[in-house]
Full PDB file with SEQRES, HELIX, SHEET, SSBOND, CRYST1, ORIGX, SCALE, CONECT and MASTER records, all heavy atoms in Angstrom:
SEQRES   1 A   41  GLN TYR LEU VAL ASN GLU LEU LYS ARG ALA ARG ARG TYR          
SEQRES   2 A   41  GLY SER GLN VAL THR ALA PHE PHE LEU ASP LEU ASP ASP          
SEQRES   3 A   41  PHE LYS GLN VAL ASN ASP CYS HIS GLY HIS LEU VAL GLY          
SEQRES   4 A   41  SER HIS                                                      
HELIX    1 AA1 TYR A    2  TYR A   13  1                                  12    
HELIX    2 AA2 LYS A   28  HIS A   34  1                                   7    
HELIX    3 AA3 HIS A   36  SER A   40  1                                   5    
CRYST1    1.000    1.000    1.000  90.00  90.00  90.00 P 1           1          
ORIGX1      1.000000  0.000000  0.000000        0.00000                         
ORIGX2      0.000000  1.000000  0.000000        0.00000                         
ORIGX3      0.000000  0.000000  1.000000        0.00000                         
SCALE1      1.000000  0.000000  0.000000        0.00000                         
SCALE2      0.000000  1.000000  0.000000        0.00000                         
SCALE3      0.000000  0.000000  1.000000        0.00000                         
ATOM      1  N   GLN A   1     115.985 113.596 115.002  1.00  0.00           N  
ATOM      2  CA  GLN A   1     116.190 114.676 114.049  1.00  0.00           C  
ATOM      3  C   GLN A   1     115.453 114.410 112.739  1.00  0.00           C  
ATOM      4  O   GLN A   1     114.892 115.333 112.120  1.00  0.00           O  
ATOM      5  CB  GLN A   1     117.693 114.860 113.782  1.00  0.00           C  
ATOM      6  CG  GLN A   1     118.028 116.067 112.920  1.00  0.00           C  
ATOM      7  CD  GLN A   1     117.526 117.371 113.518  1.00  0.00           C  
ATOM      8  OE1 GLN A   1     117.782 117.655 114.696  1.00  0.00           O  
ATOM      9  NE2 GLN A   1     116.812 118.160 112.734  1.00  0.00           N  
ATOM     10  N   TYR A   2     115.443 113.165 112.301  1.00  0.00           N  
ATOM     11  CA  TYR A   2     114.745 112.824 111.060  1.00  0.00           C  
ATOM     12  C   TYR A   2     113.254 113.104 111.181  1.00  0.00           C  
ATOM     13  O   TYR A   2     112.633 113.662 110.257  1.00  0.00           O  
ATOM     14  CB  TYR A   2     114.986 111.356 110.714  1.00  0.00           C  
ATOM     15  CG  TYR A   2     114.184 110.894 109.520  1.00  0.00           C  
ATOM     16  CD1 TYR A   2     114.593 111.188 108.222  1.00  0.00           C  
ATOM     17  CD2 TYR A   2     112.995 110.184 109.702  1.00  0.00           C  
ATOM     18  CE1 TYR A   2     113.851 110.778 107.131  1.00  0.00           C  
ATOM     19  CE2 TYR A   2     112.245 109.774 108.609  1.00  0.00           C  
ATOM     20  CZ  TYR A   2     112.672 110.080 107.333  1.00  0.00           C  
ATOM     21  OH  TYR A   2     111.928 109.674 106.249  1.00  0.00           O  
ATOM     22  N   LEU A   3     112.656 112.734 112.319  1.00  0.00           N  
ATOM     23  CA  LEU A   3     111.214 112.948 112.495  1.00  0.00           C  
ATOM     24  C   LEU A   3     110.875 114.435 112.528  1.00  0.00           C  
ATOM     25  O   LEU A   3     109.829 114.853 112.016  1.00  0.00           O  
ATOM     26  CB  LEU A   3     110.733 112.264 113.775  1.00  0.00           C  
ATOM     27  CG  LEU A   3     110.557 110.753 113.687  1.00  0.00           C  
ATOM     28  CD1 LEU A   3     110.205 110.175 115.051  1.00  0.00           C  
ATOM     29  CD2 LEU A   3     109.460 110.401 112.678  1.00  0.00           C  
ATOM     30  N   VAL A   4     111.742 115.241 113.139  1.00  0.00           N  
ATOM     31  CA  VAL A   4     111.506 116.690 113.148  1.00  0.00           C  
ATOM     32  C   VAL A   4     111.420 117.211 111.721  1.00  0.00           C  
ATOM     33  O   VAL A   4     110.481 117.940 111.356  1.00  0.00           O  
ATOM     34  CB  VAL A   4     112.628 117.416 113.933  1.00  0.00           C  
ATOM     35  CG1 VAL A   4     112.548 118.923 113.696  1.00  0.00           C  
ATOM     36  CG2 VAL A   4     112.521 117.114 115.418  1.00  0.00           C  
ATOM     37  N   ASN A   5     112.381 116.848 110.882  1.00  0.00           N  
ATOM     38  CA  ASN A   5     112.403 117.330 109.500  1.00  0.00           C  
ATOM     39  C   ASN A   5     111.262 116.740 108.677  1.00  0.00           C  
ATOM     40  O   ASN A   5     110.646 117.440 107.853  1.00  0.00           O  
ATOM     41  CB  ASN A   5     113.742 116.984 108.846  1.00  0.00           C  
ATOM     42  CG  ASN A   5     114.910 117.694 109.496  1.00  0.00           C  
ATOM     43  OD1 ASN A   5     114.762 118.776 110.058  1.00  0.00           O  
ATOM     44  ND2 ASN A   5     116.084 117.081 109.446  1.00  0.00           N  
ATOM     45  N   GLU A   6     110.948 115.472 108.887  1.00  0.00           N  
ATOM     46  CA  GLU A   6     109.920 114.816 108.081  1.00  0.00           C  
ATOM     47  C   GLU A   6     108.526 115.346 108.413  1.00  0.00           C  
ATOM     48  O   GLU A   6     107.683 115.534 107.522  1.00  0.00           O  
ATOM     49  CB  GLU A   6     109.976 113.306 108.304  1.00  0.00           C  
ATOM     50  CG  GLU A   6     109.131 112.503 107.342  1.00  0.00           C  
ATOM     51  CD  GLU A   6     109.522 112.724 105.885  1.00  0.00           C  
ATOM     52  OE1 GLU A   6     110.712 112.934 105.610  1.00  0.00           O  
ATOM     53  OE2 GLU A   6     108.608 112.694 105.023  1.00  0.00           O  
ATOM     54  N   LEU A   7     108.275 115.627 109.678  1.00  0.00           N  
ATOM     55  CA  LEU A   7     106.969 116.168 110.051  1.00  0.00           C  
ATOM     56  C   LEU A   7     106.804 117.615 109.572  1.00  0.00           C  
ATOM     57  O   LEU A   7     105.696 118.040 109.230  1.00  0.00           O  
ATOM     58  CB  LEU A   7     106.760 116.070 111.565  1.00  0.00           C  
ATOM     59  CG  LEU A   7     105.955 114.823 112.013  1.00  0.00           C  
ATOM     60  CD1 LEU A   7     106.672 113.550 111.581  1.00  0.00           C  
ATOM     61  CD2 LEU A   7     105.747 114.833 113.520  1.00  0.00           C  
ATOM     62  N   LYS A   8     107.897 118.376 109.536  1.00  0.00           N  
ATOM     63  CA  LYS A   8     107.828 119.726 108.955  1.00  0.00           C  
ATOM     64  C   LYS A   8     107.443 119.644 107.489  1.00  0.00           C  
ATOM     65  O   LYS A   8     106.608 120.418 106.992  1.00  0.00           O  
ATOM     66  CB  LYS A   8     109.185 120.419 109.091  1.00  0.00           C  
ATOM     67  CG  LYS A   8     109.512 120.916 110.493  1.00  0.00           C  
ATOM     68  CD  LYS A   8     110.864 121.613 110.493  1.00  0.00           C  
ATOM     69  CE  LYS A   8     111.216 122.115 111.894  1.00  0.00           C  
ATOM     70  NZ  LYS A   8     112.558 122.762 111.912  1.00  0.00           N  
ATOM     71  N   ARG A   9     108.047 118.705 106.780  1.00  0.00           N  
ATOM     72  CA  ARG A   9     107.746 118.546 105.353  1.00  0.00           C  
ATOM     73  C   ARG A   9     106.306 118.085 105.159  1.00  0.00           C  
ATOM     74  O   ARG A   9     105.609 118.561 104.252  1.00  0.00           O  
ATOM     75  CB  ARG A   9     108.714 117.540 104.732  1.00  0.00           C  
ATOM     76  CG  ARG A   9     108.689 117.481 103.223  1.00  0.00           C  
ATOM     77  CD  ARG A   9     109.595 116.385 102.703  1.00  0.00           C  
ATOM     78  NE  ARG A   9     109.086 115.081 103.071  1.00  0.00           N  
ATOM     79  CZ  ARG A   9     108.138 114.429 102.402  1.00  0.00           C  
ATOM     80  NH1 ARG A   9     107.601 114.978 101.319  1.00  0.00           N  
ATOM     81  NH2 ARG A   9     107.720 113.254 102.788  1.00  0.00           N  
ATOM     82  N   ALA A  10     105.857 117.170 106.016  1.00  0.00           N  
ATOM     83  CA  ALA A  10     104.483 116.661 105.898  1.00  0.00           C  
ATOM     84  C   ALA A  10     103.466 117.770 106.160  1.00  0.00           C  
ATOM     85  O   ALA A  10     102.420 117.841 105.492  1.00  0.00           O  
ATOM     86  CB  ALA A  10     104.277 115.508 106.878  1.00  0.00           C  
ATOM     87  N   ARG A  11     103.741 118.662 107.108  1.00  0.00           N  
ATOM     88  CA  ARG A  11     102.842 119.792 107.369  1.00  0.00           C  
ATOM     89  C   ARG A  11     102.761 120.715 106.150  1.00  0.00           C  
ATOM     90  O   ARG A  11     101.687 121.205 105.776  1.00  0.00           O  
ATOM     91  CB  ARG A  11     103.318 120.577 108.588  1.00  0.00           C  
ATOM     92  CG  ARG A  11     102.985 119.963 109.926  1.00  0.00           C  
ATOM     93  CD  ARG A  11     103.184 120.962 111.058  1.00  0.00           C  
ATOM     94  NE  ARG A  11     102.915 120.339 112.340  1.00  0.00           N  
ATOM     95  CZ  ARG A  11     103.843 119.780 113.109  1.00  0.00           C  
ATOM     96  NH1 ARG A  11     105.113 119.772 112.697  1.00  0.00           N  
ATOM     97  NH2 ARG A  11     103.522 119.231 114.251  1.00  0.00           N  
ATOM     98  N   ARG A  12     103.926 120.954 105.544  1.00  0.00           N  
ATOM     99  CA  ARG A  12     103.957 121.888 104.416  1.00  0.00           C  
ATOM    100  C   ARG A  12     103.162 121.349 103.234  1.00  0.00           C  
ATOM    101  O   ARG A  12     102.441 122.109 102.556  1.00  0.00           O  
ATOM    102  CB  ARG A  12     105.402 122.142 104.007  1.00  0.00           C  
ATOM    103  CG  ARG A  12     105.543 122.994 102.747  1.00  0.00           C  
ATOM    104  CD  ARG A  12     106.992 123.272 102.425  1.00  0.00           C  
ATOM    105  NE  ARG A  12     107.637 124.057 103.466  1.00  0.00           N  
ATOM    106  CZ  ARG A  12     108.922 124.419 103.436  1.00  0.00           C  
ATOM    107  NH1 ARG A  12     109.684 124.036 102.423  1.00  0.00           N  
ATOM    108  NH2 ARG A  12     109.422 125.132 104.418  1.00  0.00           N  
ATOM    109  N   TYR A  13     103.264 120.064 102.958  1.00  0.00           N  
ATOM    110  CA  TYR A  13     102.633 119.496 101.767  1.00  0.00           C  
ATOM    111  C   TYR A  13     101.349 118.719 102.068  1.00  0.00           C  
ATOM    112  O   TYR A  13     100.767 118.107 101.166  1.00  0.00           O  
ATOM    113  CB  TYR A  13     103.627 118.589 101.036  1.00  0.00           C  
ATOM    114  CG  TYR A  13     104.840 119.341 100.532  1.00  0.00           C  
ATOM    115  CD1 TYR A  13     106.068 119.213 101.171  1.00  0.00           C  
ATOM    116  CD2 TYR A  13     104.746 120.185  99.438  1.00  0.00           C  
ATOM    117  CE1 TYR A  13     107.187 119.907 100.718  1.00  0.00           C  
ATOM    118  CE2 TYR A  13     105.851 120.889  98.971  1.00  0.00           C  
ATOM    119  CZ  TYR A  13     107.065 120.744  99.621  1.00  0.00           C  
ATOM    120  OH  TYR A  13     108.150 121.446  99.178  1.00  0.00           O  
ATOM    121  N   GLY A  14     100.915 118.714 103.324  1.00  0.00           N  
ATOM    122  CA  GLY A  14      99.668 118.053 103.675  1.00  0.00           C  
ATOM    123  C   GLY A  14      99.707 116.552 103.526  1.00  0.00           C  
ATOM    124  O   GLY A  14      98.685 115.917 103.214  1.00  0.00           O  
ATOM    125  N   SER A  15     100.869 115.941 103.738  1.00  0.00           N  
ATOM    126  CA  SER A  15     101.002 114.489 103.615  1.00  0.00           C  
ATOM    127  C   SER A  15     100.962 113.827 104.988  1.00  0.00           C  
ATOM    128  O   SER A  15     100.881 114.494 106.021  1.00  0.00           O  
ATOM    129  CB  SER A  15     102.304 114.134 102.897  1.00  0.00           C  
ATOM    130  OG  SER A  15     103.413 114.642 103.608  1.00  0.00           O  
ATOM    131  N   GLN A  16     101.024 112.510 104.987  1.00  0.00           N  
ATOM    132  CA  GLN A  16     100.969 111.729 106.221  1.00  0.00           C  
ATOM    133  C   GLN A  16     102.280 110.984 106.451  1.00  0.00           C  
ATOM    134  O   GLN A  16     102.969 110.616 105.502  1.00  0.00           O  
ATOM    135  CB  GLN A  16      99.807 110.722 106.178  1.00  0.00           C  
ATOM    136  CG  GLN A  16      98.436 111.368 106.173  1.00  0.00           C  
ATOM    137  CD  GLN A  16      97.340 110.330 106.086  1.00  0.00           C  
ATOM    138  OE1 GLN A  16      97.163 109.659 105.057  1.00  0.00           O  
ATOM    139  NE2 GLN A  16      96.590 110.169 107.167  1.00  0.00           N  
ATOM    140  N   VAL A  17     102.573 110.766 107.716  1.00  0.00           N  
ATOM    141  CA  VAL A  17     103.747 109.985 108.111  1.00  0.00           C  
ATOM    142  C   VAL A  17     103.294 108.955 109.131  1.00  0.00           C  
ATOM    143  O   VAL A  17     102.666 109.304 110.136  1.00  0.00           O  
ATOM    144  CB  VAL A  17     104.846 110.877 108.727  1.00  0.00           C  
ATOM    145  CG1 VAL A  17     106.032 110.019 109.173  1.00  0.00           C  
ATOM    146  CG2 VAL A  17     105.297 111.936 107.745  1.00  0.00           C  
ATOM    147  N   THR A  18     103.631 107.697 108.878  1.00  0.00           N  
ATOM    148  CA  THR A  18     103.263 106.619 109.803  1.00  0.00           C  
ATOM    149  C   THR A  18     104.532 105.993 110.364  1.00  0.00           C  
ATOM    150  O   THR A  18     105.526 105.831 109.651  1.00  0.00           O  
ATOM    151  CB  THR A  18     102.417 105.557 109.088  1.00  0.00           C  
ATOM    152  OG1 THR A  18     101.206 106.158 108.640  1.00  0.00           O  
ATOM    153  CG2 THR A  18     102.098 104.393 110.013  1.00  0.00           C  
ATOM    154  N   ALA A  19     104.465 105.658 111.641  1.00  0.00           N  
ATOM    155  CA  ALA A  19     105.595 105.001 112.307  1.00  0.00           C  
ATOM    156  C   ALA A  19     105.082 103.806 113.085  1.00  0.00           C  
ATOM    157  O   ALA A  19     103.972 103.833 113.620  1.00  0.00           O  
ATOM    158  CB  ALA A  19     106.302 105.971 113.250  1.00  0.00           C  
ATOM    159  N   PHE A  20     105.877 102.751 113.113  1.00  0.00           N  
ATOM    160  CA  PHE A  20     105.516 101.641 114.000  1.00  0.00           C  
ATOM    161  C   PHE A  20     106.698 101.230 114.870  1.00  0.00           C  
ATOM    162  O   PHE A  20     107.854 101.302 114.467  1.00  0.00           O  
ATOM    163  CB  PHE A  20     104.904 100.442 113.248  1.00  0.00           C  
ATOM    164  CG  PHE A  20     105.796  99.764 112.252  1.00  0.00           C  
ATOM    165  CD1 PHE A  20     106.714  98.792 112.645  1.00  0.00           C  
ATOM    166  CD2 PHE A  20     105.673 100.044 110.899  1.00  0.00           C  
ATOM    167  CE1 PHE A  20     107.492  98.139 111.723  1.00  0.00           C  
ATOM    168  CE2 PHE A  20     106.447  99.402 109.966  1.00  0.00           C  
ATOM    169  CZ  PHE A  20     107.371  98.441 110.373  1.00  0.00           C  
ATOM    170  N   PHE A  21     106.342 100.865 116.078  1.00  0.00           N  
ATOM    171  CA  PHE A  21     107.282 100.496 117.132  1.00  0.00           C  
ATOM    172  C   PHE A  21     107.166  98.991 117.307  1.00  0.00           C  
ATOM    173  O   PHE A  21     106.059  98.455 117.437  1.00  0.00           O  
ATOM    174  CB  PHE A  21     106.869 101.204 118.431  1.00  0.00           C  
ATOM    175  CG  PHE A  21     107.974 101.412 119.413  1.00  0.00           C  
ATOM    176  CD1 PHE A  21     108.485 102.676 119.669  1.00  0.00           C  
ATOM    177  CD2 PHE A  21     108.508 100.340 120.114  1.00  0.00           C  
ATOM    178  CE1 PHE A  21     109.491 102.876 120.591  1.00  0.00           C  
ATOM    179  CE2 PHE A  21     109.525 100.523 121.023  1.00  0.00           C  
ATOM    180  CZ  PHE A  21     110.024 101.806 121.269  1.00  0.00           C  
ATOM    181  N   LEU A  22     108.295  98.278 117.278  1.00  0.00           N  
ATOM    182  CA  LEU A  22     108.227  96.836 117.489  1.00  0.00           C  
ATOM    183  C   LEU A  22     109.211  96.420 118.581  1.00  0.00           C  
ATOM    184  O   LEU A  22     110.309  96.962 118.685  1.00  0.00           O  
ATOM    185  CB  LEU A  22     108.480  96.060 116.196  1.00  0.00           C  
ATOM    186  CG  LEU A  22     109.894  96.026 115.597  1.00  0.00           C  
ATOM    187  CD1 LEU A  22     110.667  94.808 116.068  1.00  0.00           C  
ATOM    188  CD2 LEU A  22     109.825  96.037 114.070  1.00  0.00           C  
ATOM    189  N   ASP A  23     108.757  95.469 119.389  1.00  0.00           N  
ATOM    190  CA  ASP A  23     109.587  94.951 120.481  1.00  0.00           C  
ATOM    191  C   ASP A  23     109.543  93.431 120.410  1.00  0.00           C  
ATOM    192  O   ASP A  23     108.453  92.825 120.310  1.00  0.00           O  
ATOM    193  CB  ASP A  23     109.038  95.434 121.834  1.00  0.00           C  
ATOM    194  CG  ASP A  23     109.902  94.979 122.996  1.00  0.00           C  
ATOM    195  OD1 ASP A  23     109.663  93.869 123.517  1.00  0.00           O  
ATOM    196  OD2 ASP A  23     110.823  95.717 123.374  1.00  0.00           O  
ATOM    197  N   LEU A  24     110.709  92.796 120.443  1.00  0.00           N  
ATOM    198  CA  LEU A  24     110.770  91.330 120.358  1.00  0.00           C  
ATOM    199  C   LEU A  24     110.155  90.710 121.601  1.00  0.00           C  
ATOM    200  O   LEU A  24     110.358  91.179 122.720  1.00  0.00           O  
ATOM    201  CB  LEU A  24     112.214  90.866 120.200  1.00  0.00           C  
ATOM    202  CG  LEU A  24     112.958  91.395 118.968  1.00  0.00           C  
ATOM    203  CD1 LEU A  24     114.350  90.792 118.876  1.00  0.00           C  
ATOM    204  CD2 LEU A  24     112.184  91.117 117.692  1.00  0.00           C  
ATOM    205  N   ASP A  25     109.399  89.633 121.379  1.00  0.00           N  
ATOM    206  CA  ASP A  25     108.733  88.950 122.493  1.00  0.00           C  
ATOM    207  C   ASP A  25     109.691  87.988 123.182  1.00  0.00           C  
ATOM    208  O   ASP A  25     110.336  87.157 122.525  1.00  0.00           O  
ATOM    209  CB  ASP A  25     107.505  88.181 121.983  1.00  0.00           C  
ATOM    210  CG  ASP A  25     106.467  89.101 121.366  1.00  0.00           C  
ATOM    211  OD1 ASP A  25     106.362  90.251 121.841  1.00  0.00           O  
ATOM    212  OD2 ASP A  25     105.782  88.682 120.414  1.00  0.00           O  
ATOM    213  N   ASP A  26     109.792  88.116 124.501  1.00  0.00           N  
ATOM    214  CA  ASP A  26     110.579  87.182 125.332  1.00  0.00           C  
ATOM    215  C   ASP A  26     112.024  87.054 124.846  1.00  0.00           C  
ATOM    216  O   ASP A  26     112.617  85.960 124.868  1.00  0.00           O  
ATOM    217  CB  ASP A  26     109.918  85.791 125.337  1.00  0.00           C  
ATOM    218  CG  ASP A  26     108.472  85.841 125.805  1.00  0.00           C  
ATOM    219  OD1 ASP A  26     108.205  86.532 126.815  1.00  0.00           O  
ATOM    220  OD2 ASP A  26     107.610  85.228 125.149  1.00  0.00           O  
ATOM    221  N   PHE A  27     112.595  88.164 124.441  1.00  0.00           N  
ATOM    222  CA  PHE A  27     113.970  88.124 123.931  1.00  0.00           C  
ATOM    223  C   PHE A  27     114.966  87.799 125.042  1.00  0.00           C  
ATOM    224  O   PHE A  27     116.048  87.260 124.779  1.00  0.00           O  
ATOM    225  CB  PHE A  27     114.321  89.471 123.296  1.00  0.00           C  
ATOM    226  CG  PHE A  27     115.697  89.516 122.679  1.00  0.00           C  
ATOM    227  CD1 PHE A  27     115.987  88.807 121.519  1.00  0.00           C  
ATOM    228  CD2 PHE A  27     116.712  90.230 123.281  1.00  0.00           C  
ATOM    229  CE1 PHE A  27     117.248  88.838 120.970  1.00  0.00           C  
ATOM    230  CE2 PHE A  27     117.979  90.268 122.729  1.00  0.00           C  
ATOM    231  CZ  PHE A  27     118.253  89.572 121.566  1.00  0.00           C  
ATOM    232  N   LYS A  28     114.623  88.093 126.280  1.00  0.00           N  
ATOM    233  CA  LYS A  28     115.516  87.809 127.400  1.00  0.00           C  
ATOM    234  C   LYS A  28     115.857  86.321 127.483  1.00  0.00           C  
ATOM    235  O   LYS A  28     116.952  85.943 127.888  1.00  0.00           O  
ATOM    236  CB  LYS A  28     114.871  88.271 128.706  1.00  0.00           C  
ATOM    237  CG  LYS A  28     115.748  88.117 129.949  1.00  0.00           C  
ATOM    238  CD  LYS A  28     115.067  88.721 131.154  1.00  0.00           C  
ATOM    239  CE  LYS A  28     115.967  88.603 132.394  1.00  0.00           C  
ATOM    240  NZ  LYS A  28     116.243  87.196 132.759  1.00  0.00           N  
ATOM    241  N   GLN A  29     114.911  85.473 127.047  1.00  0.00           N  
ATOM    242  CA  GLN A  29     115.174  84.028 127.090  1.00  0.00           C  
ATOM    243  C   GLN A  29     116.304  83.630 126.135  1.00  0.00           C  
ATOM    244  O   GLN A  29     117.043  82.676 126.405  1.00  0.00           O  
ATOM    245  CB  GLN A  29     113.900  83.255 126.737  1.00  0.00           C  
ATOM    246  CG  GLN A  29     112.787  83.431 127.758  1.00  0.00           C  
ATOM    247  CD  GLN A  29     111.547  82.645 127.390  1.00  0.00           C  
ATOM    248  OE1 GLN A  29     111.554  81.874 126.416  1.00  0.00           O  
ATOM    249  NE2 GLN A  29     110.479  82.826 128.145  1.00  0.00           N  
ATOM    250  N   VAL A  30     116.442  84.356 125.029  1.00  0.00           N  
ATOM    251  CA  VAL A  30     117.534  84.065 124.084  1.00  0.00           C  
ATOM    252  C   VAL A  30     118.872  84.323 124.764  1.00  0.00           C  
ATOM    253  O   VAL A  30     119.793  83.495 124.695  1.00  0.00           O  
ATOM    254  CB  VAL A  30     117.402  84.925 122.813  1.00  0.00           C  
ATOM    255  CG1 VAL A  30     118.606  84.710 121.895  1.00  0.00           C  
ATOM    256  CG2 VAL A  30     116.106  84.593 122.085  1.00  0.00           C  
ATOM    257  N   ASN A  31     118.996  85.464 125.438  1.00  0.00           N  
ATOM    258  CA  ASN A  31     120.236  85.767 126.155  1.00  0.00           C  
ATOM    259  C   ASN A  31     120.487  84.798 127.296  1.00  0.00           C  
ATOM    260  O   ASN A  31     121.630  84.362 127.516  1.00  0.00           O  
ATOM    261  CB  ASN A  31     120.184  87.203 126.691  1.00  0.00           C  
ATOM    262  CG  ASN A  31     120.288  88.241 125.590  1.00  0.00           C  
ATOM    263  OD1 ASN A  31     120.922  88.005 124.559  1.00  0.00           O  
ATOM    264  ND2 ASN A  31     119.657  89.384 125.789  1.00  0.00           N  
ATOM    265  N   ASP A  32     119.427  84.441 128.023  1.00  0.00           N  
ATOM    266  CA  ASP A  32     119.597  83.542 129.176  1.00  0.00           C  
ATOM    267  C   ASP A  32     119.979  82.131 128.747  1.00  0.00           C  
ATOM    268  O   ASP A  32     120.802  81.474 129.403  1.00  0.00           O  
ATOM    269  CB  ASP A  32     118.307  83.498 130.002  1.00  0.00           C  
ATOM    270  CG  ASP A  32     118.024  84.830 130.701  1.00  0.00           C  
ATOM    271  OD1 ASP A  32     118.969  85.655 130.799  1.00  0.00           O  
ATOM    272  OD2 ASP A  32     116.874  85.043 131.126  1.00  0.00           O  
ATOM    273  N   CYS A  33     119.402  81.647 127.656  1.00  0.00           N  
ATOM    274  CA  CYS A  33     119.646  80.261 127.227  1.00  0.00           C  
ATOM    275  C   CYS A  33     120.897  80.106 126.359  1.00  0.00           C  
ATOM    276  O   CYS A  33     121.586  79.081 126.439  1.00  0.00           O  
ATOM    277  CB  CYS A  33     118.431  79.733 126.452  1.00  0.00           C  
ATOM    278  SG  CYS A  33     116.921  79.612 127.439  1.00  0.00           S  
ATOM    279  N   HIS A  34     121.198  81.102 125.549  1.00  0.00           N  
ATOM    280  CA  HIS A  34     122.277  80.953 124.565  1.00  0.00           C  
ATOM    281  C   HIS A  34     123.420  81.943 124.749  1.00  0.00           C  
ATOM    282  O   HIS A  34     124.450  81.813 124.074  1.00  0.00           O  
ATOM    283  CB  HIS A  34     121.709  81.098 123.147  1.00  0.00           C  
ATOM    284  CG  HIS A  34     120.620  80.124 122.824  1.00  0.00           C  
ATOM    285  ND1 HIS A  34     120.863  78.793 122.535  1.00  0.00           N  
ATOM    286  CD2 HIS A  34     119.263  80.289 122.779  1.00  0.00           C  
ATOM    287  CE1 HIS A  34     119.719  78.177 122.289  1.00  0.00           C  
ATOM    288  NE2 HIS A  34     118.721  79.060 122.432  1.00  0.00           N  
ATOM    289  N   GLY A  35     123.254  82.932 125.608  1.00  0.00           N  
ATOM    290  CA  GLY A  35     124.329  83.898 125.835  1.00  0.00           C  
ATOM    291  C   GLY A  35     124.115  85.187 125.048  1.00  0.00           C  
ATOM    292  O   GLY A  35     123.358  85.244 124.079  1.00  0.00           O  
ATOM    293  N   HIS A  36     124.807  86.230 125.496  1.00  0.00           N  
ATOM    294  CA  HIS A  36     124.615  87.548 124.899  1.00  0.00           C  
ATOM    295  C   HIS A  36     125.217  87.648 123.500  1.00  0.00           C  
ATOM    296  O   HIS A  36     124.757  88.465 122.693  1.00  0.00           O  
ATOM    297  CB  HIS A  36     125.220  88.623 125.812  1.00  0.00           C  
ATOM    298  CG  HIS A  36     124.417  88.839 127.060  1.00  0.00           C  
ATOM    299  ND1 HIS A  36     123.298  89.635 127.103  1.00  0.00           N  
ATOM    300  CD2 HIS A  36     124.562  88.335 128.320  1.00  0.00           C  
ATOM    301  CE1 HIS A  36     122.792  89.642 128.311  1.00  0.00           C  
ATOM    302  NE2 HIS A  36     123.541  88.855 129.084  1.00  0.00           N  
ATOM    303  N   LEU A  37     126.242  86.850 123.185  1.00  0.00           N  
ATOM    304  CA  LEU A  37     126.790  86.888 121.837  1.00  0.00           C  
ATOM    305  C   LEU A  37     125.774  86.408 120.815  1.00  0.00           C  
ATOM    306  O   LEU A  37     125.642  86.998 119.729  1.00  0.00           O  
ATOM    307  CB  LEU A  37     128.070  86.052 121.754  1.00  0.00           C  
ATOM    308  CG  LEU A  37     129.291  86.599 122.509  1.00  0.00           C  
ATOM    309  CD1 LEU A  37     130.470  85.648 122.355  1.00  0.00           C  
ATOM    310  CD2 LEU A  37     129.657  87.985 121.982  1.00  0.00           C  
ATOM    311  N   VAL A  38     125.043  85.339 121.150  1.00  0.00           N  
ATOM    312  CA  VAL A  38     123.981  84.869 120.269  1.00  0.00           C  
ATOM    313  C   VAL A  38     122.884  85.923 120.170  1.00  0.00           C  
ATOM    314  O   VAL A  38     122.369  86.215 119.088  1.00  0.00           O  
ATOM    315  CB  VAL A  38     123.399  83.536 120.781  1.00  0.00           C  
ATOM    316  CG1 VAL A  38     122.130  83.170 120.005  1.00  0.00           C  
ATOM    317  CG2 VAL A  38     124.430  82.422 120.652  1.00  0.00           C  
ATOM    318  N   GLY A  39     122.545  86.537 121.318  1.00  0.00           N  
ATOM    319  CA  GLY A  39     121.528  87.575 121.306  1.00  0.00           C  
ATOM    320  C   GLY A  39     121.908  88.746 120.421  1.00  0.00           C  
ATOM    321  O   GLY A  39     121.079  89.282 119.675  1.00  0.00           O  
ATOM    322  N   SER A  40     123.174  89.153 120.477  1.00  0.00           N  
ATOM    323  CA  SER A  40     123.625  90.261 119.640  1.00  0.00           C  
ATOM    324  C   SER A  40     123.544  89.899 118.162  1.00  0.00           C  
ATOM    325  O   SER A  40     123.153  90.725 117.317  1.00  0.00           O  
ATOM    326  CB  SER A  40     125.065  90.635 120.012  1.00  0.00           C  
ATOM    327  OG  SER A  40     125.132  91.130 121.333  1.00  0.00           O  
ATOM    328  N   HIS A  41     123.908  88.654 117.831  1.00  0.00           N  
ATOM    329  CA  HIS A  41     123.837  88.228 116.436  1.00  0.00           C  
ATOM    330  C   HIS A  41     122.394  88.172 115.964  1.00  0.00           C  
ATOM    331  O   HIS A  41     122.091  88.518 114.801  1.00  0.00           O  
ATOM    332  CB  HIS A  41     124.493  86.853 116.268  1.00  0.00           C  
ATOM    333  CG  HIS A  41     124.864  86.549 114.850  1.00  0.00           C  
ATOM    334  ND1 HIS A  41     123.940  86.122 113.919  1.00  0.00           N  
ATOM    335  CD2 HIS A  41     126.055  86.607 114.194  1.00  0.00           C  
ATOM    336  CE1 HIS A  41     124.540  85.907 112.764  1.00  0.00           C  
ATOM    337  NE2 HIS A  41     125.812  86.211 112.895  1.00  0.00           N  
TER     338      HIS A  41                                                      
MASTER        0    0    0    3    0    0    0    6  337    1    0    4          
END                                                                             
């Protein structure tokens, strides 16, 4: 919902919106070695 509203505003005023997507590397090893409680923390 935020992106819908923000892109409408950017179109109206001719501005730019940048987004970045990040994914943790090998996070499964944290859960496997230390447990899901540590992973959640």
